[in-house]
Amino acid sequence: MRAIILHGSPRRGGNSDTLAEHFIDGLKTTGDVEVFDFILNDMNIRPCQGCESCATSEGHRCVIDDDMHQIYNAFADADAIVWATPMYWGYMTAQMKIALDRMEALAMDVQRYWIDKEFVAILTYRHHYQSTIAFFERVQSYFKFKFSSILYCSKNEFGSEDFHVSTCPDKLEEAKNLGRAMGLRATR
């Protein structure tokens, strides 16, 4: 099985990274798993220019020559794609949004890049996450991917402080169990 993790947080080791790590640990309990980590904040990815060259170019290749092509190459052969990101102002980070917008090139070949893949949205938030879940649910019927999510609210409901997900063993176990379940589905 091949899995790619798109890390949308500009900070390493935060809640979304920790949950992604536990998800992968669960996935690896079911067999041989090849994992490709993409730290979006460290990559040179330009925003989509809306030029629509991908609609007419050979192989639907994006004309922007940057690090996004590393993700394209891994995406084609991936069985699972993990979108791990905190929510900023109720939506995914700018780093994740830029990568998502650049997926427009892959949208031109639904059969090769999307159908039957497992998508996991790992979303950490203080107040809102619904817009990102709604996005994935909205496009799921067209792209025909399987969709799961892991949601973690870091804010203390009785105060203003945040809690790292490492203090919530139930949430870590949830991530690991989802990875294990996904891995078992893939081996059948």
C-alpha atoms as a PDB file:
ATOM      1  CA  MET A   1       0.000   0.000   0.000  1.00  0.00           C
ATOM      2  CA  ARG A   2       1.158   3.529  -0.754  1.00  0.00           C
ATOM      3  CA  ALA A   3       0.076   6.514   1.300  1.00  0.00           C
ATOM      4  CA  ILE A   4       0.916  10.169   0.920  1.00  0.00           C
ATOM      5  CA  ILE A   5       0.611  12.666   3.720  1.00  0.00           C
ATOM      6  CA  LEU A   6       0.110  16.306   2.813  1.00  0.00           C
ATOM      7  CA  HIS A   7       1.152  18.240   5.924  1.00  0.00           C
ATOM      8  CA  GLY A   8      -0.569  21.632   5.841  1.00  0.00           C
ATOM      9  CA  SER A   9       0.719  23.024   9.119  1.00  0.00           C
ATOM     10  CA  PRO A  10       3.581  25.526   9.057  1.00  0.00           C
ATOM     11  CA  ARG A  11       4.632  24.156  12.485  1.00  0.00           C
ATOM     12  CA  ARG A  12       6.179  20.711  12.873  1.00  0.00           C
ATOM     13  CA  GLY A  13       5.005  18.289  15.546  1.00  0.00           C
ATOM     14  CA  GLY A  14       1.644  19.920  16.154  1.00  0.00           C
ATOM     15  CA  ASN A  15      -1.736  18.298  16.481  1.00  0.00           C
ATOM     16  CA  SER A  16      -2.313  17.457  12.815  1.00  0.00           C
ATOM     17  CA  ASP A  17       1.184  15.948  12.433  1.00  0.00           C
ATOM     18  CA  THR A  18       0.749  13.884  15.595  1.00  0.00           C
ATOM     19  CA  LEU A  19      -2.601  12.502  14.457  1.00  0.00           C
ATOM     20  CA  ALA A  20      -1.175  11.722  11.004  1.00  0.00           C
ATOM     21  CA  GLU A  21       1.696   9.853  12.636  1.00  0.00           C
ATOM     22  CA  HIS A  22      -0.717   7.713  14.680  1.00  0.00           C
ATOM     23  CA  PHE A  23      -2.851   7.072  11.601  1.00  0.00           C
ATOM     24  CA  ILE A  24       0.216   5.811   9.715  1.00  0.00           C
ATOM     25  CA  ASP A  25       1.261   3.679  12.702  1.00  0.00           C
ATOM     26  CA  GLY A  26      -2.127   1.968  12.494  1.00  0.00           C
ATOM     27  CA  LEU A  27      -1.856   1.558   8.734  1.00  0.00           C
ATOM     28  CA  LYS A  28       1.554  -0.066   9.084  1.00  0.00           C
ATOM     29  CA  THR A  29       0.200  -2.732  11.443  1.00  0.00           C
ATOM     30  CA  THR A  30      -1.598  -4.300   8.477  1.00  0.00           C
ATOM     31  CA  GLY A  31       1.358  -4.901   6.193  1.00  0.00           C
ATOM     32  CA  ASP A  32       3.920  -3.238   4.019  1.00  0.00           C
ATOM     33  CA  VAL A  33       3.181   0.466   3.649  1.00  0.00           C
ATOM     34  CA  GLU A  34       5.190   2.994   1.680  1.00  0.00           C
ATOM     35  CA  VAL A  35       4.665   6.519   3.020  1.00  0.00           C
ATOM     36  CA  PHE A  36       5.491   9.755   1.218  1.00  0.00           C
ATOM     37  CA  ASP A  37       5.467  12.832   3.463  1.00  0.00           C
ATOM     38  CA  PHE A  38       5.086  16.250   1.871  1.00  0.00           C
ATOM     39  CA  ILE A  39       5.733  19.183   4.183  1.00  0.00           C
ATOM     40  CA  LEU A  40       3.911  21.812   2.146  1.00  0.00           C
ATOM     41  CA  ASN A  41       5.397  24.758   4.039  1.00  0.00           C
ATOM     42  CA  ASP A  42       8.906  23.643   3.012  1.00  0.00           C
ATOM     43  CA  MET A  43       8.035  23.129  -0.647  1.00  0.00           C
ATOM     44  CA  ASN A  44       8.157  25.575  -3.518  1.00  0.00           C
ATOM     45  CA  ILE A  45       4.554  25.484  -4.721  1.00  0.00           C
ATOM     46  CA  ARG A  46       3.123  28.432  -6.596  1.00  0.00           C
ATOM     47  CA  PRO A  47      -0.605  29.145  -6.634  1.00  0.00           C
ATOM     48  CA  CYS A  48      -2.707  27.969  -9.563  1.00  0.00           C
ATOM     49  CA  GLN A  49      -2.724  30.639 -12.271  1.00  0.00           C
ATOM     50  CA  GLY A  50      -6.081  29.625 -13.738  1.00  0.00           C
ATOM     51  CA  CYS A  51      -4.488  29.381 -17.189  1.00  0.00           C
ATOM     52  CA  GLU A  52      -6.293  26.097 -17.957  1.00  0.00           C
ATOM     53  CA  SER A  53      -3.242  24.705 -19.762  1.00  0.00           C
ATOM     54  CA  CYS A  54      -3.768  21.452 -17.866  1.00  0.00           C
ATOM     55  CA  ALA A  55      -7.067  21.010 -19.709  1.00  0.00           C
ATOM     56  CA  THR A  56      -5.350  20.819 -23.096  1.00  0.00           C
ATOM     57  CA  SER A  57      -1.718  19.813 -22.444  1.00  0.00           C
ATOM     58  CA  GLU A  58      -0.466  16.296 -23.079  1.00  0.00           C
ATOM     59  CA  GLY A  59      -1.069  14.217 -19.981  1.00  0.00           C
ATOM     60  CA  HIS A  60      -2.879  17.210 -18.445  1.00  0.00           C
ATOM     61  CA  ARG A  61       0.433  18.469 -17.142  1.00  0.00           C
ATOM     62  CA  CYS A  62       0.511  21.724 -15.204  1.00  0.00           C
ATOM     63  CA  VAL A  63       2.818  24.230 -16.889  1.00  0.00           C
ATOM     64  CA  ILE A  64       4.125  25.601 -13.580  1.00  0.00           C
ATOM     65  CA  ASP A  65       7.494  23.945 -12.986  1.00  0.00           C
ATOM     66  CA  ASP A  66       7.762  23.626  -9.213  1.00  0.00           C
ATOM     67  CA  ASP A  67       7.655  21.094  -6.378  1.00  0.00           C
ATOM     68  CA  MET A  68       3.994  20.289  -6.978  1.00  0.00           C
ATOM     69  CA  HIS A  69       5.119  17.781  -9.607  1.00  0.00           C
ATOM     70  CA  GLN A  70       6.595  15.634  -6.802  1.00  0.00           C
ATOM     71  CA  ILE A  71       3.096  15.410  -5.330  1.00  0.00           C
ATOM     72  CA  TYR A  72       1.534  14.697  -8.735  1.00  0.00           C
ATOM     73  CA  ASN A  73       3.896  11.760  -9.280  1.00  0.00           C
ATOM     74  CA  ALA A  74       3.182  10.251  -5.846  1.00  0.00           C
ATOM     75  CA  PHE A  75      -0.569  10.947  -6.078  1.00  0.00           C
ATOM     76  CA  ALA A  76      -0.992   8.810  -9.198  1.00  0.00           C
ATOM     77  CA  ASP A  77       0.262   5.653  -7.468  1.00  0.00           C
ATOM     78  CA  ALA A  78      -1.129   6.338  -3.979  1.00  0.00           C
ATOM     79  CA  ASP A  79      -3.860   4.232  -2.441  1.00  0.00           C
ATOM     80  CA  ALA A  80      -4.440   6.673   0.425  1.00  0.00           C
ATOM     81  CA  ILE A  81      -4.090  10.445   0.604  1.00  0.00           C
ATOM     82  CA  VAL A  82      -4.033  12.097   4.010  1.00  0.00           C
ATOM     83  CA  TRP A  83      -4.815  15.812   4.171  1.00  0.00           C
ATOM     84  CA  ALA A  84      -3.485  16.813   7.619  1.00  0.00           C
ATOM     85  CA  THR A  85      -4.024  20.451   8.488  1.00  0.00           C
ATOM     86  CA  PRO A  86      -5.060  22.792  11.251  1.00  0.00           C
ATOM     87  CA  MET A  87      -7.946  25.126  10.584  1.00  0.00           C
ATOM     88  CA  TYR A  88      -7.133  28.824  10.319  1.00  0.00           C
ATOM     89  CA  TRP A  89     -10.200  31.072  10.336  1.00  0.00           C
ATOM     90  CA  GLY A  90     -12.360  27.975   9.907  1.00  0.00           C
ATOM     91  CA  TYR A  91     -10.603  26.656   6.803  1.00  0.00           C
ATOM     92  CA  MET A  92      -7.501  24.710   5.822  1.00  0.00           C
ATOM     93  CA  THR A  93      -4.165  26.528   5.902  1.00  0.00           C
ATOM     94  CA  ALA A  94      -2.957  28.553   2.923  1.00  0.00           C
ATOM     95  CA  GLN A  95      -0.247  25.955   2.319  1.00  0.00           C
ATOM     96  CA  MET A  96      -2.853  23.206   1.982  1.00  0.00           C
ATOM     97  CA  LYS A  97      -5.193  25.366  -0.093  1.00  0.00           C
ATOM     98  CA  ILE A  98      -2.459  26.168  -2.625  1.00  0.00           C
ATOM     99  CA  ALA A  99      -1.693  22.457  -3.054  1.00  0.00           C
ATOM    100  CA  LEU A 100      -5.393  21.642  -3.307  1.00  0.00           C
ATOM    101  CA  ASP A 101      -5.945  24.329  -5.955  1.00  0.00           C
ATOM    102  CA  ARG A 102      -3.079  22.882  -7.973  1.00  0.00           C
ATOM    103  CA  MET A 103      -4.881  19.518  -8.007  1.00  0.00           C
ATOM    104  CA  GLU A 104      -6.912  21.058 -10.837  1.00  0.00           C
ATOM    105  CA  ALA A 105      -4.474  19.411 -13.255  1.00  0.00           C
ATOM    106  CA  LEU A 106      -5.299  15.996 -11.791  1.00  0.00           C
ATOM    107  CA  ALA A 107      -9.027  16.679 -12.044  1.00  0.00           C
ATOM    108  CA  MET A 108      -8.704  16.251 -15.798  1.00  0.00           C
ATOM    109  CA  ASP A 109      -8.058  12.495 -15.388  1.00  0.00           C
ATOM    110  CA  VAL A 110     -10.509  11.268 -12.766  1.00  0.00           C
ATOM    111  CA  GLN A 111      -9.963   7.573 -13.519  1.00  0.00           C
ATOM    112  CA  ARG A 112      -6.191   7.667 -12.975  1.00  0.00           C
ATOM    113  CA  TYR A 113      -5.960  10.004 -10.010  1.00  0.00           C
ATOM    114  CA  TRP A 114      -9.135   9.826  -7.943  1.00  0.00           C
ATOM    115  CA  ILE A 115     -11.500   6.869  -8.256  1.00  0.00           C
ATOM    116  CA  ASP A 116     -11.432   4.405  -5.352  1.00  0.00           C
ATOM    117  CA  LYS A 117      -8.616   6.150  -3.480  1.00  0.00           C
ATOM    118  CA  GLU A 118      -8.958   6.517   0.274  1.00  0.00           C
ATOM    119  CA  PHE A 119      -8.969  10.132   1.443  1.00  0.00           C
ATOM    120  CA  VAL A 120      -8.512  11.018   5.087  1.00  0.00           C
ATOM    121  CA  ALA A 121      -8.924  14.587   6.318  1.00  0.00           C
ATOM    122  CA  ILE A 122      -7.152  15.127   9.622  1.00  0.00           C
ATOM    123  CA  LEU A 123      -8.417  18.477  10.835  1.00  0.00           C
ATOM    124  CA  THR A 124      -7.447  20.191  14.051  1.00  0.00           C
ATOM    125  CA  TYR A 125      -9.284  23.297  15.135  1.00  0.00           C
ATOM    126  CA  ARG A 126     -10.289  25.637  17.903  1.00  0.00           C
ATOM    127  CA  HIS A 127     -13.734  26.644  16.689  1.00  0.00           C
ATOM    128  CA  HIS A 128     -14.713  25.492  13.168  1.00  0.00           C
ATOM    129  CA  TYR A 129     -13.837  22.750  10.679  1.00  0.00           C
ATOM    130  CA  GLN A 130     -17.106  22.303   8.766  1.00  0.00           C
ATOM    131  CA  SER A 131     -16.124  24.165   5.584  1.00  0.00           C
ATOM    132  CA  THR A 132     -13.272  21.779   4.830  1.00  0.00           C
ATOM    133  CA  ILE A 133     -15.373  18.675   5.541  1.00  0.00           C
ATOM    134  CA  ALA A 134     -18.103  20.137   3.328  1.00  0.00           C
ATOM    135  CA  PHE A 135     -15.592  20.598   0.487  1.00  0.00           C
ATOM    136  CA  PHE A 136     -14.519  16.942   0.539  1.00  0.00           C
ATOM    137  CA  GLU A 137     -18.107  15.726   0.819  1.00  0.00           C
ATOM    138  CA  ARG A 138     -19.167  18.002  -2.041  1.00  0.00           C
ATOM    139  CA  VAL A 139     -16.567  16.681  -4.530  1.00  0.00           C
ATOM    140  CA  GLN A 140     -16.638  13.059  -3.352  1.00  0.00           C
ATOM    141  CA  SER A 141     -19.536  12.009  -5.586  1.00  0.00           C
ATOM    142  CA  TYR A 142     -17.778  13.279  -8.713  1.00  0.00           C
ATOM    143  CA  PHE A 143     -14.283  11.976  -7.920  1.00  0.00           C
ATOM    144  CA  LYS A 144     -15.560   8.735  -6.348  1.00  0.00           C
ATOM    145  CA  PHE A 145     -12.999   8.500  -3.560  1.00  0.00           C
ATOM    146  CA  LYS A 146     -13.680   6.983  -0.161  1.00  0.00           C
ATOM    147  CA  PHE A 147     -13.661   9.590   2.581  1.00  0.00           C
ATOM    148  CA  SER A 148     -12.939   9.495   6.310  1.00  0.00           C
ATOM    149  CA  SER A 149     -12.029  12.195   8.778  1.00  0.00           C
ATOM    150  CA  ILE A 150     -10.393  12.642  12.140  1.00  0.00           C
ATOM    151  CA  LEU A 151     -11.383  15.823  13.948  1.00  0.00           C
ATOM    152  CA  TYR A 152      -9.712  17.277  17.018  1.00  0.00           C
ATOM    153  CA  CYS A 153     -10.743  20.428  18.888  1.00  0.00           C
ATOM    154  CA  SER A 154      -7.731  21.644  20.856  1.00  0.00           C
ATOM    155  CA  LYS A 155      -9.504  24.403  22.766  1.00  0.00           C
ATOM    156  CA  ASN A 156     -10.515  23.912  26.356  1.00  0.00           C
ATOM    157  CA  GLU A 157     -14.292  24.362  26.313  1.00  0.00           C
ATOM    158  CA  PHE A 158     -14.127  25.971  29.769  1.00  0.00           C
ATOM    159  CA  GLY A 159     -11.165  28.285  29.171  1.00  0.00           C
ATOM    160  CA  SER A 160      -8.953  29.818  26.519  1.00  0.00           C
ATOM    161  CA  GLU A 161      -6.009  27.417  26.591  1.00  0.00           C
ATOM    162  CA  ASP A 162      -5.253  24.750  24.004  1.00  0.00           C
ATOM    163  CA  PHE A 163      -4.374  21.121  24.644  1.00  0.00           C
ATOM    164  CA  HIS A 164      -1.972  19.189  22.434  1.00  0.00           C
ATOM    165  CA  VAL A 165      -3.557  16.028  21.096  1.00  0.00           C
ATOM    166  CA  SER A 166      -0.884  13.970  22.866  1.00  0.00           C
ATOM    167  CA  THR A 167      -2.895  14.601  26.068  1.00  0.00           C
ATOM    168  CA  CYS A 168      -5.909  12.823  24.523  1.00  0.00           C
ATOM    169  CA  PRO A 169      -5.146   9.100  24.231  1.00  0.00           C
ATOM    170  CA  ASP A 170      -8.659   8.363  22.928  1.00  0.00           C
ATOM    171  CA  LYS A 171      -8.099  10.635  19.927  1.00  0.00           C
ATOM    172  CA  LEU A 172      -4.676   9.103  19.215  1.00  0.00           C
ATOM    173  CA  GLU A 173      -6.253   5.645  19.365  1.00  0.00           C
ATOM    174  CA  GLU A 174      -9.022   6.779  17.005  1.00  0.00           C
ATOM    175  CA  ALA A 175      -6.400   7.818  14.450  1.00  0.00           C
ATOM    176  CA  LYS A 176      -4.503   4.558  14.827  1.00  0.00           C
ATOM    177  CA  ASN A 177      -7.705   2.511  14.534  1.00  0.00           C
ATOM    178  CA  LEU A 178      -8.746   4.313  11.345  1.00  0.00           C
ATOM    179  CA  GLY A 179      -5.325   3.596   9.839  1.00  0.00           C
ATOM    180  CA  ARG A 180      -5.604  -0.065  10.820  1.00  0.00           C
ATOM    181  CA  ALA A 181      -9.127  -0.350   9.405  1.00  0.00           C
ATOM    182  CA  MET A 182      -8.071   1.279   6.146  1.00  0.00           C
ATOM    183  CA  GLY A 183      -5.085  -1.028   5.851  1.00  0.00           C
ATOM    184  CA  LEU A 184      -7.257  -4.084   6.444  1.00  0.00           C
ATOM    185  CA  ARG A 185      -9.703  -2.958   3.725  1.00  0.00           C
ATOM    186  CA  ALA A 186      -6.795  -2.607   1.296  1.00  0.00           C
ATOM    187  CA  THR A 187      -5.499  -6.129   1.987  1.00  0.00           C
ATOM    188  CA  ARG A 188      -8.838  -7.773   1.201  1.00  0.00           C
END
